[in-house]
């Protein structure tokens, strides 16, 4: 079950990057609302948390105005999951997405700056 979830979460991030035309726009709030509990649950596997963090960042890169309102619900967990990942293009896209979300909703991360 975990490997299926892990693959599905990873695929969502890939699809978001490839479909920058807005075709996922109507789905993003539902996707984010399902990813937030995953990234907040520290009992999930490291791989699932990392892939969820990357996908959240990628969604934020492509659809920042739709994901930014949720920033206060996942920013800390996202940063914690991403800090262990090697520096690569996936991590880069996730952090660029985080930056885009912060531009739109800077107050969404303020309480997470001190952990």
PDB file of N, CA and C in Angstrom:
ATOM      1  N   UNK A   1       0.819  -1.206   0.000  1.00  0.00           N
ATOM      2  CA  UNK A   1       0.000   0.000   0.000  1.00  0.00           C
ATOM      3  C   UNK A   1       0.855   1.260   0.000  1.00  0.00           C
ATOM      4  N   UNK A   2       1.896   1.269   0.817  1.00  0.00           N
ATOM      5  CA  UNK A   2       2.758   2.458   0.901  1.00  0.00           C
ATOM      6  C   UNK A   2       3.445   2.720  -0.431  1.00  0.00           C
ATOM      7  N   UNK A   3       3.901   1.669  -1.095  1.00  0.00           N
ATOM      8  CA  UNK A   3       4.589   1.893  -2.368  1.00  0.00           C
ATOM      9  C   UNK A   3       3.641   2.445  -3.424  1.00  0.00           C
ATOM     10  N   UNK A   4       2.377   2.033  -3.378  1.00  0.00           N
ATOM     11  CA  UNK A   4       1.383   2.568  -4.312  1.00  0.00           C
ATOM     12  C   UNK A   4       1.153   4.047  -4.028  1.00  0.00           C
ATOM     13  N   UNK A   5       1.013   4.380  -2.753  1.00  0.00           N
ATOM     14  CA  UNK A   5       0.837   5.796  -2.369  1.00  0.00           C
ATOM     15  C   UNK A   5       2.053   6.610  -2.772  1.00  0.00           C
ATOM     16  N   UNK A   6       3.234   6.061  -2.521  1.00  0.00           N
ATOM     17  CA  UNK A   6       4.466   6.752  -2.855  1.00  0.00           C
ATOM     18  C   UNK A   6       4.534   7.033  -4.353  1.00  0.00           C
ATOM     19  N   UNK A   7       4.216   6.030  -5.166  1.00  0.00           N
ATOM     20  CA  UNK A   7       4.245   6.209  -6.619  1.00  0.00           C
ATOM     21  C   UNK A   7       3.183   7.192  -7.089  1.00  0.00           C
ATOM     22  N   UNK A   8       2.001   7.139  -6.489  1.00  0.00           N
ATOM     23  CA  UNK A   8       0.918   8.047  -6.878  1.00  0.00           C
ATOM     24  C   UNK A   8       1.277   9.494  -6.545  1.00  0.00           C
ATOM     25  N   UNK A   9       1.840   9.703  -5.374  1.00  0.00           N
ATOM     26  CA  UNK A   9       2.239  11.054  -4.966  1.00  0.00           C
ATOM     27  C   UNK A   9       3.326  11.577  -5.897  1.00  0.00           C
ATOM     28  N   UNK A  10       4.322  10.737  -6.182  1.00  0.00           N
ATOM     29  CA  UNK A  10       5.399  11.140  -7.093  1.00  0.00           C
ATOM     30  C   UNK A  10       4.833  11.488  -8.462  1.00  0.00           C
ATOM     31  N   UNK A  11       3.902  10.650  -8.964  1.00  0.00           N
ATOM     32  CA  UNK A  11       3.305  10.889 -10.280  1.00  0.00           C
ATOM     33  C   UNK A  11       2.548  12.213 -10.320  1.00  0.00           C
ATOM     34  N   UNK A  12       1.859  12.560  -9.258  1.00  0.00           N
ATOM     35  CA  UNK A  12       1.151  13.844  -9.211  1.00  0.00           C
ATOM     36  C   UNK A  12       2.109  15.013  -9.386  1.00  0.00           C
ATOM     37  N   UNK A  13       3.271  14.924  -8.770  1.00  0.00           N
ATOM     38  CA  UNK A  13       4.266  15.981  -8.913  1.00  0.00           C
ATOM     39  C   UNK A  13       4.789  16.071 -10.335  1.00  0.00           C
ATOM     40  N   UNK A  14       5.027  14.935 -10.953  1.00  0.00           N
ATOM     41  CA  UNK A  14       5.490  14.914 -12.336  1.00  0.00           C
ATOM     42  C   UNK A  14       4.431  15.475 -13.280  1.00  0.00           C
ATOM     43  N   UNK A  15       3.189  15.068 -13.064  1.00  0.00           N
ATOM     44  CA  UNK A  15       2.085  15.551 -13.910  1.00  0.00           C
ATOM     45  C   UNK A  15       1.926  17.056 -13.763  1.00  0.00           C
ATOM     46  N   UNK A  16       2.049  17.544 -12.542  1.00  0.00           N
ATOM     47  CA  UNK A  16       1.931  18.997 -12.314  1.00  0.00           C
ATOM     48  C   UNK A  16       2.976  19.755 -13.120  1.00  0.00           C
ATOM     49  N   UNK A  17       4.211  19.261 -13.118  1.00  0.00           N
ATOM     50  CA  UNK A  17       5.275  19.940 -13.868  1.00  0.00           C
ATOM     51  C   UNK A  17       5.017  19.905 -15.372  1.00  0.00           C
ATOM     52  N   UNK A  18       4.525  18.791 -15.837  1.00  0.00           N
ATOM     53  CA  UNK A  18       4.322  18.632 -17.284  1.00  0.00           C
ATOM     54  C   UNK A  18       3.073  19.348 -17.787  1.00  0.00           C
ATOM     55  N   UNK A  19       2.136  19.584 -16.904  1.00  0.00           N
ATOM     56  CA  UNK A  19       0.866  20.197 -17.322  1.00  0.00           C
ATOM     57  C   UNK A  19       0.776  21.627 -16.813  1.00  0.00           C
ATOM     58  N   UNK A  20       1.739  22.422 -17.129  1.00  0.00           N
ATOM     59  CA  UNK A  20       1.758  23.807 -16.692  1.00  0.00           C
ATOM     60  C   UNK A  20       0.749  24.679 -17.407  1.00  0.00           C
ATOM     61  N   UNK A  21      -0.138  24.057 -18.150  1.00  0.00           N
ATOM     62  CA  UNK A  21      -1.131  24.799 -18.930  1.00  0.00           C
ATOM     63  C   UNK A  21      -2.410  25.102 -18.146  1.00  0.00           C
ATOM     64  N   UNK A  22      -2.442  24.726 -16.884  1.00  0.00           N
ATOM     65  CA  UNK A  22      -3.632  24.986 -16.075  1.00  0.00           C
ATOM     66  C   UNK A  22      -4.643  23.865 -16.071  1.00  0.00           C
ATOM     67  N   UNK A  23      -4.344  22.769 -16.744  1.00  0.00           N
ATOM     68  CA  UNK A  23      -5.312  21.680 -16.851  1.00  0.00           C
ATOM     69  C   UNK A  23      -5.605  20.999 -15.513  1.00  0.00           C
ATOM     70  N   UNK A  24      -4.720  21.138 -14.540  1.00  0.00           N
ATOM     71  CA  UNK A  24      -4.949  20.537 -13.219  1.00  0.00           C
ATOM     72  C   UNK A  24      -5.550  21.519 -12.230  1.00  0.00           C
ATOM     73  N   UNK A  25      -5.740  22.733 -12.637  1.00  0.00           N
ATOM     74  CA  UNK A  25      -6.142  23.800 -11.717  1.00  0.00           C
ATOM     75  C   UNK A  25      -7.335  23.422 -10.848  1.00  0.00           C
ATOM     76  N   UNK A  26      -8.358  22.848 -11.420  1.00  0.00           N
ATOM     77  CA  UNK A  26      -9.554  22.519 -10.641  1.00  0.00           C
ATOM     78  C   UNK A  26      -9.314  21.381  -9.650  1.00  0.00           C
ATOM     79  N   UNK A  27      -8.266  20.609  -9.847  1.00  0.00           N
ATOM     80  CA  UNK A  27      -7.974  19.467  -8.978  1.00  0.00           C
ATOM     81  C   UNK A  27      -7.037  19.804  -7.825  1.00  0.00           C
ATOM     82  N   UNK A  28      -6.310  20.897  -7.951  1.00  0.00           N
ATOM     83  CA  UNK A  28      -5.258  21.214  -6.985  1.00  0.00           C
ATOM     84  C   UNK A  28      -5.767  21.316  -5.546  1.00  0.00           C
ATOM     85  N   UNK A  29      -6.842  22.022  -5.254  1.00  0.00           N
ATOM     86  CA  UNK A  29      -7.293  22.073  -3.850  1.00  0.00           C
ATOM     87  C   UNK A  29      -7.594  20.693  -3.267  1.00  0.00           C
ATOM     88  N   UNK A  30      -8.211  19.823  -4.038  1.00  0.00           N
ATOM     89  CA  UNK A  30      -8.508  18.472  -3.545  1.00  0.00           C
ATOM     90  C   UNK A  30      -7.231  17.670  -3.345  1.00  0.00           C
ATOM     91  N   UNK A  31      -6.274  17.821  -4.259  1.00  0.00           N
ATOM     92  CA  UNK A  31      -5.005  17.116  -4.124  1.00  0.00           C
ATOM     93  C   UNK A  31      -4.268  17.587  -2.878  1.00  0.00           C
ATOM     94  N   UNK A  32      -4.175  18.889  -2.709  1.00  0.00           N
ATOM     95  CA  UNK A  32      -3.458  19.440  -1.551  1.00  0.00           C
ATOM     96  C   UNK A  32      -4.126  19.002  -0.252  1.00  0.00           C
ATOM     97  N   UNK A  33      -5.440  19.020  -0.216  1.00  0.00           N
ATOM     98  CA  UNK A  33      -6.132  18.626   1.020  1.00  0.00           C
ATOM     99  C   UNK A  33      -5.887  17.167   1.380  1.00  0.00           C
ATOM    100  N   UNK A  34      -5.534  16.357   0.404  1.00  0.00           N
ATOM    101  CA  UNK A  34      -5.200  14.963   0.680  1.00  0.00           C
ATOM    102  C   UNK A  34      -3.711  14.761   0.972  1.00  0.00           C
ATOM    103  N   UNK A  35      -2.881  15.631   0.445  1.00  0.00           N
ATOM    104  CA  UNK A  35      -1.447  15.513   0.701  1.00  0.00           C
ATOM    105  C   UNK A  35      -1.044  16.071   2.059  1.00  0.00           C
ATOM    106  N   UNK A  36      -1.752  17.075   2.539  1.00  0.00           N
ATOM    107  CA  UNK A  36      -1.397  17.685   3.826  1.00  0.00           C
ATOM    108  C   UNK A  36      -1.377  16.658   4.961  1.00  0.00           C
ATOM    109  N   UNK A  37      -2.410  15.817   5.114  1.00  0.00           N
ATOM    110  CA  UNK A  37      -2.330  14.824   6.198  1.00  0.00           C
ATOM    111  C   UNK A  37      -1.173  13.835   6.035  1.00  0.00           C
ATOM    112  N   UNK A  38      -0.814  13.535   4.799  1.00  0.00           N
ATOM    113  CA  UNK A  38       0.306  12.614   4.570  1.00  0.00           C
ATOM    114  C   UNK A  38       1.608  13.240   5.047  1.00  0.00           C
ATOM    115  N   UNK A  39       1.853  14.482   4.656  1.00  0.00           N
ATOM    116  CA  UNK A  39       3.126  15.114   5.017  1.00  0.00           C
ATOM    117  C   UNK A  39       3.203  15.449   6.507  1.00  0.00           C
ATOM    118  N   UNK A  40       2.070  15.580   7.155  1.00  0.00           N
ATOM    119  CA  UNK A  40       2.055  15.900   8.591  1.00  0.00           C
ATOM    120  C   UNK A  40       2.184  14.671   9.479  1.00  0.00           C
ATOM    121  N   UNK A  41       2.074  13.489   8.900  1.00  0.00           N
ATOM    122  CA  UNK A  41       2.114  12.246   9.672  1.00  0.00           C
ATOM    123  C   UNK A  41       3.534  11.683   9.672  1.00  0.00           C
ATOM    124  N   UNK A  42       4.253  11.923  10.740  1.00  0.00           N
ATOM    125  CA  UNK A  42       5.655  11.515  10.817  1.00  0.00           C
ATOM    126  C   UNK A  42       5.837  10.006  10.862  1.00  0.00           C
ATOM    127  N   UNK A  43       4.752   9.261  11.021  1.00  0.00           N
ATOM    128  CA  UNK A  43       4.878   7.801  11.013  1.00  0.00           C
ATOM    129  C   UNK A  43       4.949   7.244   9.589  1.00  0.00           C
ATOM    130  N   UNK A  44       4.720   8.090   8.591  1.00  0.00           N
ATOM    131  CA  UNK A  44       4.859   7.644   7.206  1.00  0.00           C
ATOM    132  C   UNK A  44       6.333   7.386   6.898  1.00  0.00           C
ATOM    133  N   UNK A  45       6.576   6.596   5.881  1.00  0.00           N
ATOM    134  CA  UNK A  45       7.955   6.288   5.516  1.00  0.00           C
ATOM    135  C   UNK A  45       8.673   7.548   5.045  1.00  0.00           C
ATOM    136  N   UNK A  46       9.982   7.528   5.180  1.00  0.00           N
ATOM    137  CA  UNK A  46      10.794   8.664   4.760  1.00  0.00           C
ATOM    138  C   UNK A  46      10.573   8.964   3.281  1.00  0.00           C
ATOM    139  N   UNK A  47      10.505   7.914   2.472  1.00  0.00           N
ATOM    140  CA  UNK A  47      10.305   8.096   1.035  1.00  0.00           C
ATOM    141  C   UNK A  47       8.981   8.749   0.703  1.00  0.00           C
ATOM    142  N   UNK A  48       7.923   8.347   1.405  1.00  0.00           N
ATOM    143  CA  UNK A  48       6.609   8.945   1.162  1.00  0.00           C
ATOM    144  C   UNK A  48       6.603  10.408   1.588  1.00  0.00           C
ATOM    145  N   UNK A  49       7.225  10.709   2.710  1.00  0.00           N
ATOM    146  CA  UNK A  49       7.289  12.102   3.166  1.00  0.00           C
ATOM    147  C   UNK A  49       8.098  12.952   2.190  1.00  0.00           C
ATOM    148  N   UNK A  50       9.208  12.414   1.696  1.00  0.00           N
ATOM    149  CA  UNK A  50      10.034  13.154   0.747  1.00  0.00           C
ATOM    150  C   UNK A  50       9.286  13.402  -0.564  1.00  0.00           C
ATOM    151  N   UNK A  51       8.646  12.365  -1.085  1.00  0.00           N
ATOM    152  CA  UNK A  51       7.905  12.528  -2.342  1.00  0.00           C
ATOM    153  C   UNK A  51       6.724  13.474  -2.171  1.00  0.00           C
ATOM    154  N   UNK A  52       6.086  13.436  -1.015  1.00  0.00           N
ATOM    155  CA  UNK A  52       4.979  14.349  -0.762  1.00  0.00           C
ATOM    156  C   UNK A  52       5.494  15.786  -0.703  1.00  0.00           C
ATOM    157  N   UNK A  53       6.631  15.997  -0.058  1.00  0.00           N
ATOM    158  CA  UNK A  53       7.218  17.333   0.016  1.00  0.00           C
ATOM    159  C   UNK A  53       7.579  17.848  -1.376  1.00  0.00           C
ATOM    160  N   UNK A  54       8.163  16.990  -2.185  1.00  0.00           N
ATOM    161  CA  UNK A  54       8.523  17.384  -3.544  1.00  0.00           C
ATOM    162  C   UNK A  54       7.272  17.719  -4.342  1.00  0.00           C
ATOM    163  N   UNK A  55       6.252  16.909  -4.224  1.00  0.00           N
ATOM    164  CA  UNK A  55       5.010  17.152  -4.968  1.00  0.00           C
ATOM    165  C   UNK A  55       4.329  18.428  -4.508  1.00  0.00           C
ATOM    166  N   UNK A  56       4.315  18.679  -3.202  1.00  0.00           N
ATOM    167  CA  UNK A  56       3.727  19.925  -2.710  1.00  0.00           C
ATOM    168  C   UNK A  56       4.473  21.121  -3.291  1.00  0.00           C
ATOM    169  N   UNK A  57       5.793  21.022  -3.319  1.00  0.00           N
ATOM    170  CA  UNK A  57       6.590  22.100  -3.888  1.00  0.00           C
ATOM    171  C   UNK A  57       6.337  22.285  -5.376  1.00  0.00           C
ATOM    172  N   UNK A  58       6.226  21.184  -6.087  1.00  0.00           N
ATOM    173  CA  UNK A  58       5.973  21.275  -7.524  1.00  0.00           C
ATOM    174  C   UNK A  58       4.589  21.830  -7.812  1.00  0.00           C
ATOM    175  N   UNK A  59       3.612  21.431  -7.023  1.00  0.00           N
ATOM    176  CA  UNK A  59       2.277  22.025  -7.174  1.00  0.00           C
ATOM    177  C   UNK A  59       2.351  23.524  -6.909  1.00  0.00           C
ATOM    178  N   UNK A  60       3.138  23.899  -5.900  1.00  0.00           N
ATOM    179  CA  UNK A  60       3.310  25.313  -5.585  1.00  0.00           C
ATOM    180  C   UNK A  60       4.074  26.072  -6.657  1.00  0.00           C
ATOM    181  N   UNK A  61       4.932  25.382  -7.369  1.00  0.00           N
ATOM    182  CA  UNK A  61       5.673  26.010  -8.461  1.00  0.00           C
ATOM    183  C   UNK A  61       4.757  26.314  -9.638  1.00  0.00           C
ATOM    184  N   UNK A  62       3.866  25.392  -9.945  1.00  0.00           N
ATOM    185  CA  UNK A  62       2.974  25.544 -11.100  1.00  0.00           C
ATOM    186  C   UNK A  62       1.697  26.297 -10.743  1.00  0.00           C
ATOM    187  N   UNK A  63       1.187  26.071  -9.535  1.00  0.00           N
ATOM    188  CA  UNK A  63      -0.077  26.681  -9.095  1.00  0.00           C
ATOM    189  C   UNK A  63       0.090  27.372  -7.737  1.00  0.00           C
ATOM    190  N   UNK A  64       1.007  28.326  -7.638  1.00  0.00           N
ATOM    191  CA  UNK A  64       1.303  28.900  -6.317  1.00  0.00           C
ATOM    192  C   UNK A  64       0.108  29.551  -5.630  1.00  0.00           C
ATOM    193  N   UNK A  65      -0.743  30.211  -6.373  1.00  0.00           N
ATOM    194  CA  UNK A  65      -1.875  30.891  -5.729  1.00  0.00           C
ATOM    195  C   UNK A  65      -2.896  29.904  -5.169  1.00  0.00           C
ATOM    196  N   UNK A  66      -2.903  28.683  -5.685  1.00  0.00           N
ATOM    197  CA  UNK A  66      -3.839  27.683  -5.188  1.00  0.00           C
ATOM    198  C   UNK A  66      -3.293  26.911  -3.992  1.00  0.00           C
ATOM    199  N   UNK A  67      -1.982  26.796  -3.905  1.00  0.00           N
ATOM    200  CA  UNK A  67      -1.371  26.019  -2.825  1.00  0.00           C
ATOM    201  C   UNK A  67      -0.950  26.915  -1.657  1.00  0.00           C
ATOM    202  N   UNK A  68      -0.588  28.146  -1.932  1.00  0.00           N
ATOM    203  CA  UNK A  68      -0.095  29.064  -0.896  1.00  0.00           C
ATOM    204  C   UNK A  68      -1.033  29.228   0.301  1.00  0.00           C
ATOM    205  N   UNK A  69      -2.351  29.233   0.123  1.00  0.00           N
ATOM    206  CA  UNK A  69      -3.214  29.377   1.300  1.00  0.00           C
ATOM    207  C   UNK A  69      -3.064  28.247   2.322  1.00  0.00           C
ATOM    208  N   UNK A  70      -2.524  27.102   1.894  1.00  0.00           N
ATOM    209  CA  UNK A  70      -2.339  25.957   2.787  1.00  0.00           C
ATOM    210  C   UNK A  70      -0.955  25.923   3.420  1.00  0.00           C
ATOM    211  N   UNK A  71      -0.126  26.886   3.101  1.00  0.00           N
ATOM    212  CA  UNK A  71       1.274  26.878   3.508  1.00  0.00           C
ATOM    213  C   UNK A  71       1.457  26.652   5.004  1.00  0.00           C
ATOM    214  N   UNK A  72       0.636  27.286   5.803  1.00  0.00           N
ATOM    215  CA  UNK A  72       0.768  27.147   7.258  1.00  0.00           C
ATOM    216  C   UNK A  72       0.480  25.729   7.750  1.00  0.00           C
ATOM    217  N   UNK A  73      -0.109  24.904   6.911  1.00  0.00           N
ATOM    218  CA  UNK A  73      -0.441  23.538   7.309  1.00  0.00           C
ATOM    219  C   UNK A  73       0.667  22.537   6.982  1.00  0.00           C
ATOM    220  N   UNK A  74       1.632  22.922   6.128  1.00  0.00           N
ATOM    221  CA  UNK A  74       2.623  21.927   5.726  1.00  0.00           C
ATOM    222  C   UNK A  74       4.052  22.444   5.583  1.00  0.00           C
ATOM    223  N   UNK A  75       4.313  23.724   5.681  1.00  0.00           N
ATOM    224  CA  UNK A  75       5.641  24.270   5.387  1.00  0.00           C
ATOM    225  C   UNK A  75       6.742  23.646   6.251  1.00  0.00           C
ATOM    226  N   UNK A  76       6.515  23.551   7.542  1.00  0.00           N
ATOM    227  CA  UNK A  76       7.541  22.989   8.418  1.00  0.00           C
ATOM    228  C   UNK A  76       7.816  21.533   8.054  1.00  0.00           C
ATOM    229  N   UNK A  77       6.765  20.756   7.877  1.00  0.00           N
ATOM    230  CA  UNK A  77       6.940  19.346   7.530  1.00  0.00           C
ATOM    231  C   UNK A  77       7.637  19.191   6.173  1.00  0.00           C
ATOM    232  N   UNK A  78       7.315  20.083   5.257  1.00  0.00           N
ATOM    233  CA  UNK A  78       7.943  20.049   3.945  1.00  0.00           C
ATOM    234  C   UNK A  78       9.442  20.284   4.068  1.00  0.00           C
ATOM    235  N   UNK A  79       9.817  21.300   4.824  1.00  0.00           N
ATOM    236  CA  UNK A  79      11.239  21.605   5.008  1.00  0.00           C
ATOM    237  C   UNK A  79      11.964  20.462   5.709  1.00  0.00           C
ATOM    238  N   UNK A  80      11.338  19.881   6.700  1.00  0.00           N
ATOM    239  CA  UNK A  80      11.964  18.763   7.415  1.00  0.00           C
ATOM    240  C   UNK A  80      12.185  17.572   6.485  1.00  0.00           C
ATOM    241  N   UNK A  81      11.223  17.298   5.629  1.00  0.00           N
ATOM    242  CA  UNK A  81      11.355  16.172   4.703  1.00  0.00           C
ATOM    243  C   UNK A  81      12.409  16.449   3.635  1.00  0.00           C
ATOM    244  N   UNK A  82      12.478  17.680   3.169  1.00  0.00           N
ATOM    245  CA  UNK A  82      13.408  18.021   2.087  1.00  0.00           C
ATOM    246  C   UNK A  82      14.859  18.131   2.551  1.00  0.00           C
ATOM    247  N   UNK A  83      15.081  18.386   3.822  1.00  0.00           N
ATOM    248  CA  UNK A  83      16.461  18.598   4.269  1.00  0.00           C
ATOM    249  C   UNK A  83      17.322  17.349   4.141  1.00  0.00           C
ATOM    250  N   UNK A  84      16.715  16.189   4.113  1.00  0.00           N
ATOM    251  CA  UNK A  84      17.477  14.943   4.021  1.00  0.00           C
ATOM    252  C   UNK A  84      17.720  14.493   2.587  1.00  0.00           C
ATOM    253  N   UNK A  85      17.068  15.118   1.626  1.00  0.00           N
ATOM    254  CA  UNK A  85      17.190  14.704   0.230  1.00  0.00           C
ATOM    255  C   UNK A  85      18.461  15.296  -0.369  1.00  0.00           C
ATOM    256  N   UNK A  86      19.122  14.511  -1.193  1.00  0.00           N
ATOM    257  CA  UNK A  86      20.316  15.031  -1.880  1.00  0.00           C
ATOM    258  C   UNK A  86      19.893  16.174  -2.799  1.00  0.00           C
ATOM    259  N   UNK A  87      20.812  17.059  -3.044  1.00  0.00           N
ATOM    260  CA  UNK A  87      20.528  18.187  -3.924  1.00  0.00           C
ATOM    261  C   UNK A  87      20.424  17.692  -5.361  1.00  0.00           C
ATOM    262  N   UNK A  88      19.246  17.833  -5.931  1.00  0.00           N
ATOM    263  CA  UNK A  88      19.013  17.443  -7.316  1.00  0.00           C
ATOM    264  C   UNK A  88      17.884  18.281  -7.886  1.00  0.00           C
ATOM    265  N   UNK A  89      17.481  17.991  -9.105  1.00  0.00           N
ATOM    266  CA  UNK A  89      16.454  18.803  -9.764  1.00  0.00           C
ATOM    267  C   UNK A  89      15.101  18.697  -9.075  1.00  0.00           C
ATOM    268  N   UNK A  90      14.801  17.550  -8.462  1.00  0.00           N
ATOM    269  CA  UNK A  90      13.529  17.407  -7.754  1.00  0.00           C
ATOM    270  C   UNK A  90      13.486  18.311  -6.523  1.00  0.00           C
ATOM    271  N   UNK A  91      14.566  18.307  -5.763  1.00  0.00           N
ATOM    272  CA  UNK A  91      14.638  19.168  -4.581  1.00  0.00           C
ATOM    273  C   UNK A  91      14.611  20.631  -5.000  1.00  0.00           C
ATOM    274  N   UNK A  92      15.306  20.943  -6.070  1.00  0.00           N
ATOM    275  CA  UNK A  92      15.333  22.308  -6.584  1.00  0.00           C
ATOM    276  C   UNK A  92      13.929  22.781  -6.954  1.00  0.00           C
ATOM    277  N   UNK A  93      13.180  21.964  -7.669  1.00  0.00           N
ATOM    278  CA  UNK A  93      11.824  22.373  -8.070  1.00  0.00           C
ATOM    279  C   UNK A  93      10.915  22.526  -6.854  1.00  0.00           C
ATOM    280  N   UNK A  94      11.114  21.681  -5.846  1.00  0.00           N
ATOM    281  CA  UNK A  94      10.301  21.787  -4.630  1.00  0.00           C
ATOM    282  C   UNK A  94      10.579  23.097  -3.899  1.00  0.00           C
ATOM    283  N   UNK A  95      11.850  23.459  -3.762  1.00  0.00           N
ATOM    284  CA  UNK A  95      12.176  24.704  -3.064  1.00  0.00           C
ATOM    285  C   UNK A  95      11.797  25.940  -3.884  1.00  0.00           C
ATOM    286  N   UNK A  96      11.901  25.847  -5.200  1.00  0.00           N
ATOM    287  CA  UNK A  96      11.448  26.978  -6.015  1.00  0.00           C
ATOM    288  C   UNK A  96       9.939  27.156  -5.850  1.00  0.00           C
ATOM    289  N   UNK A  97       9.199  26.054  -5.761  1.00  0.00           N
ATOM    290  CA  UNK A  97       7.758  26.131  -5.508  1.00  0.00           C
ATOM    291  C   UNK A  97       7.455  26.727  -4.146  1.00  0.00           C
ATOM    292  N   UNK A  98       8.237  26.324  -3.138  1.00  0.00           N
ATOM    293  CA  UNK A  98       8.056  26.886  -1.802  1.00  0.00           C
ATOM    294  C   UNK A  98       8.268  28.398  -1.834  1.00  0.00           C
ATOM    295  N   UNK A  99       9.285  28.835  -2.550  1.00  0.00           N
ATOM    296  CA  UNK A  99       9.551  30.283  -2.652  1.00  0.00           C
ATOM    297  C   UNK A  99       8.401  31.012  -3.338  1.00  0.00           C
ATOM    298  N   UNK A 100       7.838  30.416  -4.363  1.00  0.00           N
ATOM    299  CA  UNK A 100       6.697  31.039  -5.040  1.00  0.00           C
ATOM    300  C   UNK A 100       5.493  31.149  -4.107  1.00  0.00           C
ATOM    301  N   UNK A 101       5.274  30.125  -3.301  1.00  0.00           N
ATOM    302  CA  UNK A 101       4.158  30.165  -2.349  1.00  0.00           C
ATOM    303  C   UNK A 101       4.393  31.211  -1.271  1.00  0.00           C
ATOM    304  N   UNK A 102       5.632  31.327  -0.816  1.00  0.00           N
ATOM    305  CA  UNK A 102       5.959  32.321   0.216  1.00  0.00           C
ATOM    306  C   UNK A 102       5.758  33.730  -0.316  1.00  0.00           C
ATOM    307  N   UNK A 103       6.073  33.965  -1.578  1.00  0.00           N
ATOM    308  CA  UNK A 103       5.832  35.279  -2.179  1.00  0.00           C
ATOM    309  C   UNK A 103       4.359  35.660  -2.091  1.00  0.00           C
ATOM    310  N   UNK A 104       3.492  34.698  -2.261  1.00  0.00           N
ATOM    311  CA  UNK A 104       2.049  34.946  -2.248  1.00  0.00           C
ATOM    312  C   UNK A 104       1.498  34.989  -0.828  1.00  0.00           C
ATOM    313  N   UNK A 105       2.023  34.151   0.046  1.00  0.00           N
ATOM    314  CA  UNK A 105       1.496  34.043   1.404  1.00  0.00           C
ATOM    315  C   UNK A 105       2.648  33.996   2.418  1.00  0.00           C
ATOM    316  N   UNK A 106       3.351  35.114   2.607  1.00  0.00           N
ATOM    317  CA  UNK A 106       4.486  35.096   3.542  1.00  0.00           C
ATOM    318  C   UNK A 106       4.072  34.808   4.986  1.00  0.00           C
ATOM    319  N   UNK A 107       2.883  35.194   5.356  1.00  0.00           N
ATOM    320  CA  UNK A 107       2.429  34.916   6.727  1.00  0.00           C
ATOM    321  C   UNK A 107       2.198  33.428   6.958  1.00  0.00           C
ATOM    322  N   UNK A 108       2.058  32.681   5.884  1.00  0.00           N
ATOM    323  CA  UNK A 108       1.828  31.242   6.010  1.00  0.00           C
ATOM    324  C   UNK A 108       3.021  30.459   6.508  1.00  0.00           C
ATOM    325  N   UNK A 109       4.184  31.077   6.510  1.00  0.00           N
ATOM    326  CA  UNK A 109       5.384  30.364   6.961  1.00  0.00           C
ATOM    327  C   UNK A 109       6.016  30.994   8.197  1.00  0.00           C
ATOM    328  N   UNK A 110       5.558  32.145   8.599  1.00  0.00           N
ATOM    329  CA  UNK A 110       6.185  32.877   9.712  1.00  0.00           C
ATOM    330  C   UNK A 110       6.297  32.012  10.964  1.00  0.00           C
ATOM    331  N   UNK A 111       5.245  31.322  11.338  1.00  0.00           N
ATOM    332  CA  UNK A 111       5.298  30.542  12.574  1.00  0.00           C
ATOM    333  C   UNK A 111       6.200  29.320  12.465  1.00  0.00           C
ATOM    334  N   UNK A 112       6.581  28.940  11.240  1.00  0.00           N
ATOM    335  CA  UNK A 112       7.446  27.790  11.042  1.00  0.00           C
ATOM    336  C   UNK A 112       8.921  28.144  10.931  1.00  0.00           C
ATOM    337  N   UNK A 113       9.258  29.403  11.028  1.00  0.00           N
ATOM    338  CA  UNK A 113      10.657  29.792  10.894  1.00  0.00           C
ATOM    339  C   UNK A 113      11.473  29.456  12.141  1.00  0.00           C
ATOM    340  N   UNK A 114      10.811  29.180  13.243  1.00  0.00           N
ATOM    341  CA  UNK A 114      11.489  28.913  14.496  1.00  0.00           C
ATOM    342  C   UNK A 114      11.100  27.540  15.008  1.00  0.00           C
ATOM    343  N   UNK A 115      11.792  26.528  14.527  1.00  0.00           N
ATOM    344  CA  UNK A 115      11.533  25.172  15.024  1.00  0.00           C
ATOM    345  C   UNK A 115      12.816  24.454  15.286  1.00  0.00           C
TER     346      UNK A 115
END
